[in-house]
């Protein structure tokens, strides 16, 4: 599932390529015909991300809310203008076997190849085989023969300007809302440090966690507690804090809760800037290049079940928590 950094990067793509433009909206799949008709011919006025949710504003007080969920993704095609953070990732926001982040921005050839990927300019969201083929063919130099391209797969909604096309597939949520409905949804979400980096957001997060008997490993995934954290960031944040994921929120020391919030703000900013969920600090240049090239070298515990902990050597444990896989070190996080 795309995590908060991905959705913020997708939003920046829409800011760069769609805000200020009149769009043609359609539903090739046929499951969003009424909503597409409502948006068709309107100018895009705004693009916002709150945690894992994206809101596109249109003339006439219309908002398109999209939650990608486990399987959703946006595909972009056409004359795409790249946001600076996307350019820093060599025009890719991650996809299997796609390029990673520039390590030397003064040298555009100094790129690495990422073997896992986490976002993609051509396809942003959950990786899928069909989009991998599209990305691979694009990497080999394929160009669009016609524009707009024919829809591929089950496209819920297509947004089209004169030069750029965005196709949405497989979202958990895709609906047209009015401003009051948008505000009601946002009000229920936990704070997002990219939107509110100030002390009030930290205080809100801290106070909620400190009064909950729920395990901290579940609280971090609760979008009503804090927005944007998913499976990767949960595992890594807890390890970085040396915190047992089963500890009830109300038993986590206040200082440690605040440290979690500040660390999340730090990691989220890195993710948006680089396009990688980089969670290891103080790497030497060679180790940093390896980490940017491969997820195997990028994380402390995520996807490392059965392997020795990088700190203590204890085997990393994999268990299920909240119907999602949880990775942690039973010694470092005791």
Protein backbone atom coordinates (compact mmCIF):
# COMPACT_ATOMS: atom_id res chain seq x y z
CA UNK A 1 0.00 0.00 0.00
CA UNK A 2 1.38 3.44 -0.87
CA UNK A 3 2.40 5.28 2.29
CA UNK A 4 2.24 8.98 3.06
CA UNK A 5 5.34 10.01 1.14
CA UNK A 6 3.94 8.46 -2.06
CA UNK A 7 0.64 10.31 -1.84
CA UNK A 8 2.38 13.63 -1.24
CA UNK A 9 4.52 13.01 -4.33
CA UNK A 10 1.47 12.09 -6.41
CA UNK A 11 -0.16 15.31 -5.28
CA UNK A 12 2.88 17.28 -6.41
CA UNK A 13 2.52 15.68 -9.84
CA UNK A 14 -1.05 16.98 -10.04
CA UNK A 15 0.01 20.41 -8.82
CA UNK A 16 2.63 20.58 -11.56
CA UNK A 17 0.59 19.15 -14.42
CA UNK A 18 -3.12 19.67 -13.72
CA UNK A 19 -3.79 22.62 -11.41
CA UNK A 20 -4.94 25.55 -13.53
CA UNK A 21 -5.96 23.34 -16.46
CA UNK A 22 -9.42 22.39 -17.68
CA UNK A 23 -9.75 18.61 -17.79
CA UNK A 24 -11.84 16.09 -19.64
CA UNK A 25 -12.96 13.44 -17.17
CA UNK A 26 -14.24 10.01 -18.10
CA UNK A 27 -14.64 6.53 -16.67
CA UNK A 28 -13.43 3.97 -19.23
CA UNK A 29 -14.30 1.19 -16.80
CA UNK A 30 -17.83 2.51 -16.38
CA UNK A 31 -17.88 2.46 -12.58
CA UNK A 32 -17.49 6.22 -12.14
CA UNK A 33 -19.58 7.59 -14.98
CA UNK A 34 -21.69 9.98 -12.92
CA UNK A 35 -18.73 11.32 -10.96
CA UNK A 36 -16.67 11.79 -14.11
CA UNK A 37 -19.54 13.62 -15.80
CA UNK A 38 -19.72 15.99 -12.82
CA UNK A 39 -16.01 16.82 -13.15
CA UNK A 40 -15.80 16.92 -16.93
CA UNK A 41 -14.95 20.33 -18.36
CA UNK A 42 -14.01 21.87 -15.01
CA UNK A 43 -10.70 23.51 -14.18
CA UNK A 44 -8.51 21.88 -11.50
CA UNK A 45 -7.93 24.41 -8.75
CA UNK A 46 -6.12 22.55 -5.99
CA UNK A 47 -4.35 19.32 -5.04
CA UNK A 48 -3.93 18.23 -1.44
CA UNK A 49 -2.61 15.19 0.37
CA UNK A 50 -3.53 14.30 3.93
CA UNK A 51 -1.78 11.13 4.97
CA UNK A 52 -2.82 8.44 2.49
CA UNK A 53 -5.71 10.44 1.04
CA UNK A 54 -5.60 12.81 -1.90
CA UNK A 55 -8.08 15.56 -2.70
CA UNK A 56 -8.27 17.27 -6.11
CA UNK A 57 -10.21 20.52 -6.18
CA UNK A 58 -12.28 21.60 -9.20
CA UNK A 59 -14.19 24.72 -10.14
CA UNK A 60 -17.66 24.83 -8.71
CA UNK A 61 -16.73 23.51 -5.25
CA UNK A 62 -16.16 19.96 -6.44
CA UNK A 63 -13.51 17.73 -4.90
CA UNK A 64 -12.32 14.32 -6.05
CA UNK A 65 -11.26 12.18 -3.10
CA UNK A 66 -8.98 9.23 -3.83
CA UNK A 67 -7.68 6.62 -1.44
CA UNK A 68 -5.47 4.16 -3.30
CA UNK A 69 -5.69 1.40 -0.70
CA UNK A 70 -3.88 -1.87 -1.36
CA UNK A 71 -4.25 -2.01 -5.13
CA UNK A 72 -4.84 1.51 -6.42
CA UNK A 73 -2.40 3.45 -8.57
CA UNK A 74 -2.17 6.47 -10.85
CA UNK A 75 -0.61 6.16 -14.29
CA UNK A 76 0.64 9.30 -16.04
CA UNK A 77 1.29 9.68 -19.76
CA UNK A 78 2.09 12.54 -22.12
CA UNK A 79 4.31 15.60 -21.84
CA UNK A 80 4.82 15.30 -18.11
CA UNK A 81 6.38 18.21 -16.25
CA UNK A 82 8.36 16.89 -13.32
CA UNK A 83 8.20 18.36 -9.86
CA UNK A 84 11.67 18.97 -8.42
CA UNK A 85 11.38 16.07 -5.99
CA UNK A 86 10.43 13.77 -8.86
CA UNK A 87 13.29 15.02 -11.01
CA UNK A 88 15.62 14.21 -8.11
CA UNK A 89 14.52 10.59 -8.47
CA UNK A 90 15.37 10.60 -12.16
CA UNK A 91 11.76 10.95 -13.19
CA UNK A 92 10.72 7.77 -11.41
CA UNK A 93 8.94 7.44 -8.11
CA UNK A 94 9.84 3.77 -7.86
CA UNK A 95 8.83 0.56 -9.59
CA UNK A 96 10.50 -2.80 -9.77
CA UNK A 97 13.85 -2.45 -11.56
CA UNK A 98 13.42 1.29 -12.05
CA UNK A 99 16.02 3.94 -11.36
CA UNK A 100 16.52 5.35 -7.92
CA UNK A 101 17.57 8.78 -6.69
CA UNK A 102 20.34 11.00 -7.99
CA UNK A 103 23.21 10.81 -5.54
CA UNK A 104 24.93 13.81 -7.13
CA UNK A 105 22.50 16.38 -8.47
CA UNK A 106 25.28 18.17 -10.31
CA UNK A 107 25.89 14.99 -12.27
CA UNK A 108 22.67 13.71 -13.91
CA UNK A 109 24.39 10.47 -14.87
CA UNK A 110 25.13 9.59 -11.24
CA UNK A 111 22.11 7.37 -10.72
CA UNK A 112 21.59 4.03 -9.08
CA UNK A 113 19.14 1.27 -9.93
CA UNK A 114 16.57 0.32 -7.33
CA UNK A 115 15.60 -3.35 -7.25
CA UNK A 116 12.39 -2.88 -5.26
CA UNK A 117 11.12 0.63 -5.87
CA UNK A 118 8.45 2.48 -4.00
CA UNK A 119 6.83 4.94 -6.44
CA UNK A 120 6.88 5.54 -10.18
CA UNK A 121 6.34 8.52 -12.44
CA UNK A 122 4.73 6.31 -15.05
CA UNK A 123 2.80 4.32 -12.46
CA UNK A 124 2.44 5.64 -8.94
CA UNK A 125 0.88 3.39 -6.34
CA UNK A 126 0.72 -0.34 -5.86
CA UNK A 127 3.09 -2.21 -8.22
CA UNK A 128 1.32 -4.41 -10.74
CA UNK A 129 2.59 -6.61 -13.52
CA UNK A 130 0.83 -4.75 -16.31
CA UNK A 131 2.35 -1.46 -15.25
CA UNK A 132 5.72 -3.08 -14.83
CA UNK A 133 5.62 -4.07 -18.50
CA UNK A 134 4.66 -0.52 -19.41
CA UNK A 135 7.47 0.87 -17.30
CA UNK A 136 10.00 -1.57 -18.69
CA UNK A 137 9.04 -0.74 -22.27
CA UNK A 138 9.27 2.96 -21.48
CA UNK A 139 12.71 2.46 -19.97
CA UNK A 140 13.78 0.89 -23.26
CA UNK A 141 12.84 4.09 -25.09
CA UNK A 142 9.28 3.44 -26.25
CA UNK A 143 7.27 6.54 -27.14
CA UNK A 144 3.55 7.09 -27.32
CA UNK A 145 2.35 6.64 -30.89
CA UNK A 146 -0.86 8.54 -30.19
CA UNK A 147 -2.14 10.80 -27.45
CA UNK A 148 -4.06 10.16 -25.40
CA UNK A 149 -3.10 6.49 -25.18
CA UNK A 150 -5.77 3.83 -25.16
CA UNK A 151 -6.87 2.96 -21.59
CA UNK A 152 -5.20 -0.20 -20.34
CA UNK A 153 -6.95 -2.33 -17.74
CA UNK A 154 -9.79 -1.26 -15.51
CA UNK A 155 -9.43 2.53 -15.48
CA UNK A 156 -11.84 3.94 -12.91
CA UNK A 157 -11.30 7.55 -13.92
CA UNK A 158 -9.25 9.29 -16.58
CA UNK A 159 -8.28 12.96 -16.24
CA UNK A 160 -7.05 14.49 -19.47
CA UNK A 161 -5.57 17.87 -20.40
CA UNK A 162 -4.23 18.87 -23.80
CA UNK A 163 -0.88 17.30 -22.99
CA UNK A 164 -1.11 15.01 -19.95
CA UNK A 165 -3.27 12.02 -19.07
CA UNK A 166 -3.75 10.50 -15.61
CA UNK A 167 -5.48 7.13 -15.24
CA UNK A 168 -6.64 5.76 -11.90
CA UNK A 169 -6.99 2.02 -11.36
CA UNK A 170 -8.11 -0.06 -8.40
CA UNK A 171 -8.67 2.57 -5.69
CA UNK A 172 -10.35 1.82 -2.39
CA UNK A 173 -12.17 5.16 -2.60
CA UNK A 174 -12.96 7.43 -5.53
CA UNK A 175 -15.77 9.92 -5.06
CA UNK A 176 -16.86 13.50 -5.73
CA UNK A 177 -17.47 15.57 -2.60
CA UNK A 178 -18.43 19.10 -1.67
CA UNK A 179 -16.18 21.24 0.60
CA UNK A 180 -18.10 20.38 3.77
CA UNK A 181 -17.72 16.67 3.11
CA UNK A 182 -14.00 17.09 2.53
CA UNK A 183 -13.57 18.97 5.78
CA UNK A 184 -15.52 16.30 7.66
CA UNK A 185 -13.18 13.58 6.37
CA UNK A 186 -10.02 15.58 7.04
CA UNK A 187 -11.22 16.41 10.56
CA UNK A 188 -11.28 12.69 11.38
CA UNK A 189 -7.73 12.08 10.21
CA UNK A 190 -4.75 12.30 12.49
CA UNK A 191 -2.11 14.99 12.00
CA UNK A 192 0.24 14.93 9.01
CA UNK A 193 3.62 16.53 9.82
CA UNK A 194 4.06 17.80 6.26
CA UNK A 195 0.84 19.79 6.59
CA UNK A 196 1.26 20.84 10.19
CA UNK A 197 4.83 20.65 11.50
CA UNK A 198 4.07 22.82 14.51
CA UNK A 199 3.68 22.00 18.22
CA UNK A 200 -0.11 21.67 18.08
CA UNK A 201 0.09 18.61 15.79
CA UNK A 202 2.74 17.01 17.98
CA UNK A 203 0.62 17.66 21.05
CA UNK A 204 -2.47 16.18 19.40
CA UNK A 205 -0.60 12.99 18.45
CA UNK A 206 1.01 12.68 21.88
CA UNK A 207 -2.19 13.19 23.83
CA UNK A 208 -4.12 10.62 21.78
CA UNK A 209 -1.43 7.94 22.06
CA UNK A 210 -0.91 8.54 25.77
CA UNK A 211 -4.52 7.85 26.67
CA UNK A 212 -5.00 4.71 24.56
CA UNK A 213 -4.68 1.13 25.86
CA UNK A 214 -4.19 -0.03 22.27
CA UNK A 215 -0.72 -1.40 21.34
CA UNK A 216 1.51 1.25 19.82
CA UNK A 217 2.01 -1.00 16.78
CA UNK A 218 -1.68 -0.60 16.00
CA UNK A 219 -1.91 3.07 16.90
CA UNK A 220 0.76 4.03 14.38
CA UNK A 221 -1.30 2.39 11.62
CA UNK A 222 -4.53 4.09 12.72
CA UNK A 223 -5.04 6.98 10.31
CA UNK A 224 -7.27 8.70 12.89
CA UNK A 225 -4.27 8.84 15.23
CA UNK A 226 -1.56 9.86 12.76
CA UNK A 227 -1.85 10.24 9.00
CA UNK A 228 0.32 8.50 6.44
CA UNK A 229 2.15 5.73 8.30
CA UNK A 230 1.98 2.30 6.68
CA UNK A 231 3.61 -1.06 7.18
CA UNK A 232 7.15 -0.07 6.28
CA UNK A 233 7.31 3.11 8.31
CA UNK A 234 5.58 1.47 11.29
CA UNK A 235 8.19 -1.28 11.55
CA UNK A 236 11.09 1.10 11.05
CA UNK A 237 9.85 3.80 13.42
CA UNK A 238 9.33 1.26 16.20
CA UNK A 239 12.77 -0.22 15.72
CA UNK A 240 14.44 3.17 15.60
CA UNK A 241 12.71 3.95 18.91
CA UNK A 242 13.66 0.50 20.31
CA UNK A 243 10.01 0.16 21.24
CA UNK A 244 8.11 -3.10 21.62
CA UNK A 245 5.13 -2.93 19.22
CA UNK A 246 2.84 -4.55 21.82
CA UNK A 247 3.35 -1.78 24.39
CA UNK A 248 0.04 -0.04 25.16
CA UNK A 249 0.08 3.56 24.02
CA UNK A 250 -0.66 4.89 27.49
CA UNK A 251 2.46 3.11 28.83
CA UNK A 252 4.83 4.62 26.30
CA UNK A 253 6.75 7.45 28.02
CA UNK A 254 5.67 10.87 26.83
CA UNK A 255 9.18 11.79 25.68
CA UNK A 256 9.30 8.65 23.54
CA UNK A 257 5.91 9.40 21.97
CA UNK A 258 7.18 12.85 21.03
CA UNK A 259 10.33 11.28 19.61
CA UNK A 260 8.16 9.02 17.44
CA UNK A 261 6.32 12.04 16.03
CA UNK A 262 9.54 13.92 15.28
CA UNK A 263 11.13 10.87 13.71
CA UNK A 264 8.05 10.36 11.53
CA UNK A 265 8.28 13.98 10.38
CA UNK A 266 11.94 13.43 9.50
CA UNK A 267 11.44 10.15 7.62
CA UNK A 268 8.38 11.44 5.76
CA UNK A 269 10.33 14.46 4.50
CA UNK A 270 13.14 12.19 3.32
CA UNK A 271 10.64 9.95 1.55
CA UNK A 272 9.04 12.84 -0.30
CA UNK A 273 12.40 14.29 -1.30
CA UNK A 274 14.04 11.08 -2.51
CA UNK A 275 11.13 8.82 -3.39
CA UNK A 276 12.62 6.09 -1.20
CA UNK A 277 11.57 5.01 2.26
CA UNK A 278 15.10 5.48 3.55
CA UNK A 279 15.12 4.67 7.25
CA UNK A 280 18.80 4.12 8.02
CA UNK A 281 20.94 7.04 9.20
CA UNK A 282 24.65 7.91 9.18
CA UNK A 283 25.58 5.69 6.25
CA UNK A 284 28.92 6.19 4.55
CA UNK A 285 28.78 7.04 0.82
CA UNK A 286 29.16 3.44 -0.33
CA UNK A 287 26.49 2.16 2.06
CA UNK A 288 24.16 5.01 1.09
CA UNK A 289 24.51 4.16 -2.60
CA UNK A 290 23.75 0.51 -1.82
CA UNK A 291 20.72 1.52 0.24
CA UNK A 292 19.32 3.71 -2.51
CA UNK A 293 19.84 0.88 -4.99
CA UNK A 294 18.29 -1.92 -2.96
CA UNK A 295 15.62 -2.18 -0.29
CA UNK A 296 17.65 -5.01 1.24
CA UNK A 297 20.16 -2.39 2.36
CA UNK A 298 17.70 0.37 3.19
CA UNK A 299 15.76 -0.82 6.24
CA UNK A 300 16.49 -2.04 9.73
CA UNK A 301 13.79 -4.72 10.05
CA UNK A 302 11.21 -4.48 7.25
CA UNK A 303 11.15 -7.60 5.05
CA UNK A 304 14.08 -9.05 7.05
CA UNK A 305 12.24 -11.85 8.85
CA UNK A 306 14.57 -14.65 9.95
CA UNK A 307 17.66 -12.56 9.25
CA UNK A 308 19.96 -11.34 12.03
CA UNK A 309 19.25 -7.93 13.47
CA UNK A 310 21.73 -5.36 12.19
CA UNK A 311 22.36 -4.25 15.79
CA UNK A 312 22.23 -7.31 18.07
CA UNK A 313 22.21 -10.33 15.75
CA UNK A 314 18.87 -11.73 17.00
CA UNK A 315 16.66 -13.04 14.21
CA UNK A 316 14.01 -10.57 13.09
CA UNK A 317 10.48 -11.77 13.89
CA UNK A 318 7.51 -11.67 11.54
CA UNK A 319 4.01 -11.73 13.00
CA UNK A 320 0.57 -10.44 12.12
CA UNK A 321 -0.79 -7.35 13.84
CA UNK A 322 -3.95 -5.66 12.71
CA UNK A 323 -4.17 -7.98 9.68
CA UNK A 324 -0.81 -6.63 8.44
CA UNK A 325 2.70 -8.07 8.63
CA UNK A 326 4.83 -6.72 11.45
CA UNK A 327 8.62 -7.01 11.54
CA UNK A 328 10.57 -6.41 14.73
CA UNK A 329 13.56 -7.43 16.82
CA UNK A 330 12.54 -9.16 20.07
CA UNK A 331 15.80 -8.19 21.76
CA UNK A 332 16.37 -4.59 20.67
CA UNK A 333 12.65 -3.89 21.10
CA UNK A 334 12.18 -5.81 24.33
